[in-house]
Amino acid sequence: MIRKAILDGGGGQHSKLDIERLDTLVKVLSEKLAKANDLSTEEEKAESQKEVDSIVEEIDQLENLYKGVFEHSA
C-alpha cells in the first residue's frame, strides 16, 4: 500500500507529479546553493536567500504530506 501510494503514485493521495516536483525542487535548491557562493553584493545574496527559503518551504510542505501518509499507513 505504501509503495503504491508513494512510489508508484497511484491509489494514494500523492501523484507522480508531486514526486517529480520534489525532485525538481531539490535540484533547483542545489543549484541555487552552489551559485550563492559566487554572488558578490549583499543585495544579490539577500535575493538568493529569499529564493532558497521559498524552495525549502515548498520542499518541507511536500515532505510533510509524505510523512503523514507513512505515519497513517505503517
N, C-alpha and C. Protein backbone atom coordinates (compact mmCIF):
# COMPACT_ATOMS: atom_id res chain seq x y z
N MET A 1 0.82 -1.18 0.00
CA MET A 1 0.00 0.00 0.00
C MET A 1 0.87 1.25 0.00
N ILE A 2 1.91 1.27 0.84
CA ILE A 2 2.80 2.44 0.88
C ILE A 2 3.51 2.60 -0.45
N ARG A 3 3.99 1.48 -1.00
CA ARG A 3 4.67 1.54 -2.30
C ARG A 3 3.75 2.09 -3.35
N LYS A 4 2.53 1.62 -3.38
CA LYS A 4 1.58 2.08 -4.39
C LYS A 4 1.26 3.55 -4.21
N ALA A 5 1.10 3.99 -2.97
CA ALA A 5 0.73 5.37 -2.69
C ALA A 5 1.87 6.34 -2.96
N ILE A 6 3.08 5.95 -2.63
CA ILE A 6 4.18 6.90 -2.72
C ILE A 6 5.05 6.66 -3.95
N LEU A 7 5.53 5.45 -4.13
CA LEU A 7 6.47 5.20 -5.21
C LEU A 7 5.81 5.11 -6.57
N ASP A 8 4.69 4.44 -6.66
CA ASP A 8 4.02 4.29 -7.94
C ASP A 8 3.12 5.47 -8.25
N GLY A 9 2.76 6.24 -7.26
CA GLY A 9 1.94 7.41 -7.49
C GLY A 9 0.49 7.10 -7.76
N GLY A 10 0.05 5.89 -7.48
CA GLY A 10 -1.33 5.54 -7.75
C GLY A 10 -2.01 5.01 -6.52
N GLY A 11 -3.27 5.26 -6.39
CA GLY A 11 -4.02 4.72 -5.29
C GLY A 11 -3.83 5.46 -3.99
N GLY A 12 -3.05 6.51 -4.01
CA GLY A 12 -2.80 7.26 -2.80
C GLY A 12 -3.14 8.73 -3.00
N GLN A 13 -2.74 9.51 -2.03
CA GLN A 13 -3.04 10.93 -2.08
C GLN A 13 -2.07 11.70 -2.97
N HIS A 14 -0.93 11.12 -3.28
CA HIS A 14 0.12 11.84 -3.97
C HIS A 14 0.39 11.23 -5.33
N SER A 15 0.59 12.09 -6.29
CA SER A 15 0.80 11.62 -7.65
C SER A 15 2.27 11.63 -8.01
N LYS A 16 2.56 11.09 -9.17
CA LYS A 16 3.93 11.13 -9.69
C LYS A 16 4.35 12.57 -9.91
N LEU A 17 3.39 13.43 -10.20
CA LEU A 17 3.71 14.85 -10.39
C LEU A 17 4.27 15.46 -9.11
N ASP A 18 3.74 15.05 -7.96
CA ASP A 18 4.27 15.54 -6.68
C ASP A 18 5.71 15.08 -6.49
N ILE A 19 5.97 13.85 -6.82
CA ILE A 19 7.31 13.29 -6.67
C ILE A 19 8.27 13.98 -7.63
N GLU A 20 7.82 14.21 -8.86
CA GLU A 20 8.65 14.91 -9.83
C GLU A 20 8.90 16.34 -9.39
N ARG A 21 7.89 16.98 -8.82
CA ARG A 21 8.04 18.36 -8.32
C ARG A 21 9.08 18.39 -7.20
N LEU A 22 9.04 17.43 -6.32
CA LEU A 22 10.00 17.36 -5.23
C LEU A 22 11.42 17.18 -5.77
N ASP A 23 11.58 16.30 -6.74
CA ASP A 23 12.90 16.09 -7.35
C ASP A 23 13.40 17.38 -7.99
N THR A 24 12.53 18.07 -8.70
CA THR A 24 12.90 19.32 -9.35
C THR A 24 13.31 20.37 -8.33
N LEU A 25 12.54 20.48 -7.26
CA LEU A 25 12.86 21.45 -6.22
C LEU A 25 14.21 21.19 -5.58
N VAL A 26 14.52 19.93 -5.34
CA VAL A 26 15.81 19.59 -4.74
C VAL A 26 16.95 19.95 -5.69
N LYS A 27 16.77 19.70 -6.98
CA LYS A 27 17.81 20.05 -7.96
C LYS A 27 18.00 21.56 -8.04
N VAL A 28 16.89 22.32 -8.08
CA VAL A 28 16.98 23.78 -8.14
C VAL A 28 17.64 24.32 -6.88
N LEU A 29 17.28 23.77 -5.74
CA LEU A 29 17.88 24.20 -4.48
C LEU A 29 19.38 23.97 -4.50
N SER A 30 19.80 22.84 -4.96
CA SER A 30 21.22 22.52 -5.04
C SER A 30 21.95 23.53 -5.93
N GLU A 31 21.35 23.85 -7.08
CA GLU A 31 21.96 24.81 -8.00
C GLU A 31 22.04 26.20 -7.37
N LYS A 32 20.97 26.62 -6.71
CA LYS A 32 20.95 27.94 -6.07
C LYS A 32 22.01 28.04 -4.98
N LEU A 33 22.15 26.99 -4.19
CA LEU A 33 23.15 27.00 -3.12
C LEU A 33 24.57 27.03 -3.69
N ALA A 34 24.79 26.34 -4.79
CA ALA A 34 26.11 26.34 -5.42
C ALA A 34 26.45 27.72 -5.98
N LYS A 35 25.46 28.38 -6.56
CA LYS A 35 25.69 29.71 -7.14
C LYS A 35 25.78 30.80 -6.07
N ALA A 36 25.21 30.55 -4.90
CA ALA A 36 25.20 31.57 -3.84
C ALA A 36 26.61 31.96 -3.42
N ASN A 37 27.53 31.05 -3.49
CA ASN A 37 28.91 31.35 -3.10
C ASN A 37 29.58 32.34 -4.04
N ASP A 38 29.08 32.43 -5.27
CA ASP A 38 29.69 33.30 -6.27
C ASP A 38 29.09 34.71 -6.29
N LEU A 39 28.05 34.97 -5.51
CA LEU A 39 27.41 36.27 -5.51
C LEU A 39 28.29 37.28 -4.79
N SER A 40 28.30 38.50 -5.33
CA SER A 40 29.22 39.49 -4.78
C SER A 40 28.55 40.54 -3.90
N THR A 41 27.36 40.99 -4.25
CA THR A 41 26.74 42.06 -3.47
C THR A 41 25.78 41.49 -2.43
N GLU A 42 25.57 42.27 -1.40
CA GLU A 42 24.64 41.87 -0.34
C GLU A 42 23.22 41.76 -0.88
N GLU A 43 22.89 42.61 -1.83
CA GLU A 43 21.55 42.57 -2.43
C GLU A 43 21.32 41.25 -3.17
N GLU A 44 22.32 40.82 -3.92
CA GLU A 44 22.22 39.53 -4.62
C GLU A 44 22.11 38.38 -3.63
N LYS A 45 22.88 38.46 -2.57
CA LYS A 45 22.86 37.40 -1.56
C LYS A 45 21.51 37.35 -0.85
N ALA A 46 20.94 38.51 -0.56
CA ALA A 46 19.63 38.56 0.09
C ALA A 46 18.54 37.99 -0.81
N GLU A 47 18.59 38.34 -2.09
CA GLU A 47 17.60 37.82 -3.04
C GLU A 47 17.74 36.31 -3.19
N SER A 48 18.97 35.84 -3.26
CA SER A 48 19.22 34.41 -3.36
C SER A 48 18.71 33.68 -2.12
N GLN A 49 18.91 34.27 -0.94
CA GLN A 49 18.45 33.65 0.30
C GLN A 49 16.93 33.55 0.32
N LYS A 50 16.24 34.58 -0.18
CA LYS A 50 14.77 34.54 -0.25
C LYS A 50 14.31 33.39 -1.14
N GLU A 51 14.98 33.22 -2.28
CA GLU A 51 14.62 32.13 -3.19
C GLU A 51 14.87 30.78 -2.54
N VAL A 52 16.01 30.65 -1.87
CA VAL A 52 16.34 29.39 -1.19
C VAL A 52 15.31 29.09 -0.11
N ASP A 53 14.96 30.10 0.68
CA ASP A 53 13.96 29.91 1.74
C ASP A 53 12.62 29.47 1.18
N SER A 54 12.22 30.05 0.06
CA SER A 54 10.96 29.69 -0.58
C SER A 54 10.97 28.23 -1.04
N ILE A 55 12.08 27.82 -1.64
CA ILE A 55 12.21 26.44 -2.12
C ILE A 55 12.20 25.47 -0.95
N VAL A 56 12.93 25.80 0.11
CA VAL A 56 12.98 24.93 1.29
C VAL A 56 11.59 24.79 1.90
N GLU A 57 10.84 25.87 1.94
CA GLU A 57 9.49 25.82 2.50
C GLU A 57 8.58 24.90 1.67
N GLU A 58 8.69 24.99 0.35
CA GLU A 58 7.87 24.13 -0.50
C GLU A 58 8.27 22.66 -0.36
N ILE A 59 9.57 22.40 -0.25
CA ILE A 59 10.05 21.03 -0.03
C ILE A 59 9.51 20.49 1.29
N ASP A 60 9.57 21.31 2.33
CA ASP A 60 9.05 20.90 3.63
C ASP A 60 7.57 20.55 3.57
N GLN A 61 6.81 21.33 2.84
CA GLN A 61 5.37 21.06 2.72
C GLN A 61 5.12 19.72 2.04
N LEU A 62 5.84 19.46 0.96
CA LEU A 62 5.67 18.18 0.27
C LEU A 62 6.11 17.01 1.14
N GLU A 63 7.23 17.17 1.82
CA GLU A 63 7.72 16.09 2.68
C GLU A 63 6.76 15.82 3.84
N ASN A 64 6.16 16.85 4.37
CA ASN A 64 5.19 16.66 5.46
C ASN A 64 3.97 15.87 4.98
N LEU A 65 3.57 16.07 3.74
CA LEU A 65 2.47 15.28 3.20
C LEU A 65 2.84 13.80 3.15
N TYR A 66 4.07 13.51 2.71
CA TYR A 66 4.52 12.13 2.61
C TYR A 66 4.68 11.50 3.99
N LYS A 67 5.17 12.27 4.94
CA LYS A 67 5.29 11.76 6.31
C LYS A 67 3.94 11.36 6.87
N GLY A 68 2.93 12.19 6.57
CA GLY A 68 1.58 11.89 7.04
C GLY A 68 1.05 10.58 6.46
N VAL A 69 1.31 10.36 5.18
CA VAL A 69 0.88 9.12 4.55
C VAL A 69 1.56 7.94 5.20
N PHE A 70 2.86 8.05 5.41
CA PHE A 70 3.61 6.94 6.01
C PHE A 70 3.14 6.66 7.43
N GLU A 71 2.97 7.71 8.23
CA GLU A 71 2.58 7.53 9.62
C GLU A 71 1.20 6.90 9.74
N HIS A 72 0.31 7.20 8.82
CA HIS A 72 -1.03 6.64 8.88
C HIS A 72 -1.15 5.30 8.19
N SER A 73 -0.10 4.91 7.47
CA SER A 73 -0.14 3.64 6.74
C SER A 73 0.66 2.54 7.44
N ALA A 74 1.66 2.94 8.18
CA ALA A 74 2.59 1.96 8.75
C ALA A 74 2.11 1.43 10.09
